[in-house]
Amino acid sequence: MRSWNGRPRANHQDTPRLTAANVGIGVWGHLTTQLLETVLESGYFDLVQDGVERHDRIIVTASAESTVPEHATLVVTRSEPGHGVDVAVLHRMKA
């Protein structure tokens, strides 16, 4: 986990791409101790924007070290150099 301006950020080390031959929609996995609301903040995935593409999916396990981790599937709505990465929630599992 890296931080930028004191805010946590994802990086390629903790957000691996899980897709066959890199064709079609990319599926990423992201495991973090951060709260899901932190992961959903604007700019959280900006450090991985060179690999993340629009329409990719990110499967998130947040609060991973808690007794009740949070799970969500996100869709990348924007990934542009200079503008960062925006995501939206496709599915959120409630405990």
Protein backbone atom coordinates (compact mmCIF):
# COMPACT_ATOMS: atom_id res chain seq x y z
CA MET A 1 0.00 0.00 0.00
CA ARG A 2 1.35 3.37 -0.97
CA SER A 3 0.12 6.78 0.03
CA TRP A 4 -0.07 10.11 -1.71
CA ASN A 5 -0.59 13.31 0.25
CA GLY A 6 -1.21 11.17 3.33
CA ARG A 7 -4.09 9.25 1.68
CA PRO A 8 -3.82 5.51 0.95
CA ARG A 9 -3.47 4.47 -2.70
CA ALA A 10 -3.46 1.16 -4.51
CA ASN A 11 -0.44 0.07 -6.54
CA HIS A 12 0.36 -2.71 -9.00
CA GLN A 13 1.88 -4.89 -6.29
CA ASP A 14 -1.39 -5.22 -4.37
CA THR A 15 -3.74 -5.04 -7.40
CA PRO A 16 -2.79 -7.89 -9.78
CA ARG A 17 -4.57 -8.34 -13.13
CA LEU A 18 -6.42 -11.62 -13.51
CA THR A 19 -7.33 -12.01 -17.17
CA ALA A 20 -6.63 -14.59 -19.85
CA ALA A 21 -4.27 -13.27 -22.52
CA ASN A 22 -5.25 -9.68 -21.66
CA VAL A 23 -8.20 -9.70 -24.06
CA GLY A 24 -11.64 -8.29 -23.39
CA ILE A 25 -12.50 -6.94 -19.97
CA GLY A 26 -9.67 -7.11 -17.45
CA VAL A 27 -10.46 -8.48 -14.02
CA TRP A 28 -8.34 -7.28 -11.12
CA GLY A 29 -8.18 -8.46 -7.54
CA HIS A 30 -7.53 -6.01 -4.70
CA LEU A 31 -7.07 -7.07 -1.06
CA THR A 32 -6.60 -4.27 1.47
CA THR A 33 -6.90 -3.49 5.15
CA GLN A 34 -8.48 -0.13 4.24
CA LEU A 35 -12.24 0.43 4.59
CA LEU A 36 -14.31 0.05 1.43
CA GLU A 37 -15.32 3.72 1.67
CA THR A 38 -11.59 4.60 1.44
CA VAL A 39 -11.17 2.40 -1.65
CA LEU A 40 -14.12 4.19 -3.27
CA GLU A 41 -12.60 7.66 -2.75
CA SER A 42 -11.60 9.59 -5.84
CA GLY A 43 -7.96 8.99 -6.70
CA TYR A 44 -7.51 5.71 -4.80
CA PHE A 45 -6.59 3.74 -7.96
CA ASP A 46 -4.71 6.59 -9.72
CA LEU A 47 -1.30 4.93 -9.25
CA VAL A 48 -2.39 1.93 -11.35
CA GLN A 49 -4.00 3.93 -14.17
CA ASP A 50 -1.39 2.82 -16.72
CA GLY A 51 -2.70 -0.77 -16.50
CA VAL A 52 -6.39 -0.28 -15.70
CA GLU A 53 -8.73 0.29 -18.64
CA ARG A 54 -12.30 1.57 -18.89
CA HIS A 55 -14.85 -1.24 -18.30
CA ASP A 56 -12.33 -3.39 -16.37
CA ARG A 57 -13.61 -4.98 -13.17
CA ILE A 58 -11.93 -4.79 -9.77
CA ILE A 59 -12.93 -7.40 -7.20
CA VAL A 60 -12.25 -5.87 -3.79
CA THR A 61 -11.87 -7.36 -0.33
CA ALA A 62 -11.59 -4.39 2.02
CA SER A 63 -11.09 -4.39 5.80
CA ALA A 64 -9.33 -7.69 5.16
CA GLU A 65 -7.95 -8.07 8.68
CA SER A 66 -11.26 -7.38 10.43
CA THR A 67 -13.71 -10.04 11.56
CA VAL A 68 -16.20 -8.77 8.95
CA PRO A 69 -14.38 -7.93 5.70
CA GLU A 70 -16.20 -5.93 3.02
CA HIS A 71 -16.58 -7.29 -0.53
CA ALA A 72 -17.45 -5.40 -3.71
CA THR A 73 -17.13 -5.57 -7.46
CA LEU A 74 -16.20 -2.27 -9.08
CA VAL A 75 -16.25 -1.17 -12.72
CA VAL A 76 -13.69 1.31 -14.06
CA THR A 77 -15.65 4.22 -15.53
CA ARG A 78 -12.62 6.29 -16.52
CA SER A 79 -8.88 5.71 -16.83
CA GLU A 80 -7.13 8.57 -18.59
CA PRO A 81 -3.61 9.94 -18.22
CA GLY A 82 -3.75 13.17 -16.27
CA HIS A 83 -7.30 12.51 -15.06
CA GLY A 84 -6.83 9.37 -12.99
CA VAL A 85 -9.11 6.39 -12.44
CA ASP A 86 -12.79 6.57 -11.55
CA VAL A 87 -14.78 3.54 -10.40
CA ALA A 88 -18.42 2.74 -9.67
CA VAL A 89 -19.87 -0.05 -7.54
CA LEU A 90 -21.42 -2.88 -9.58
CA HIS A 91 -22.12 -5.10 -6.59
CA ARG A 92 -21.57 -4.80 -2.86
CA MET A 93 -21.98 -7.75 -0.52
CA LYS A 94 -23.52 -6.89 2.82
CA ALA A 95 -22.44 -8.96 5.81
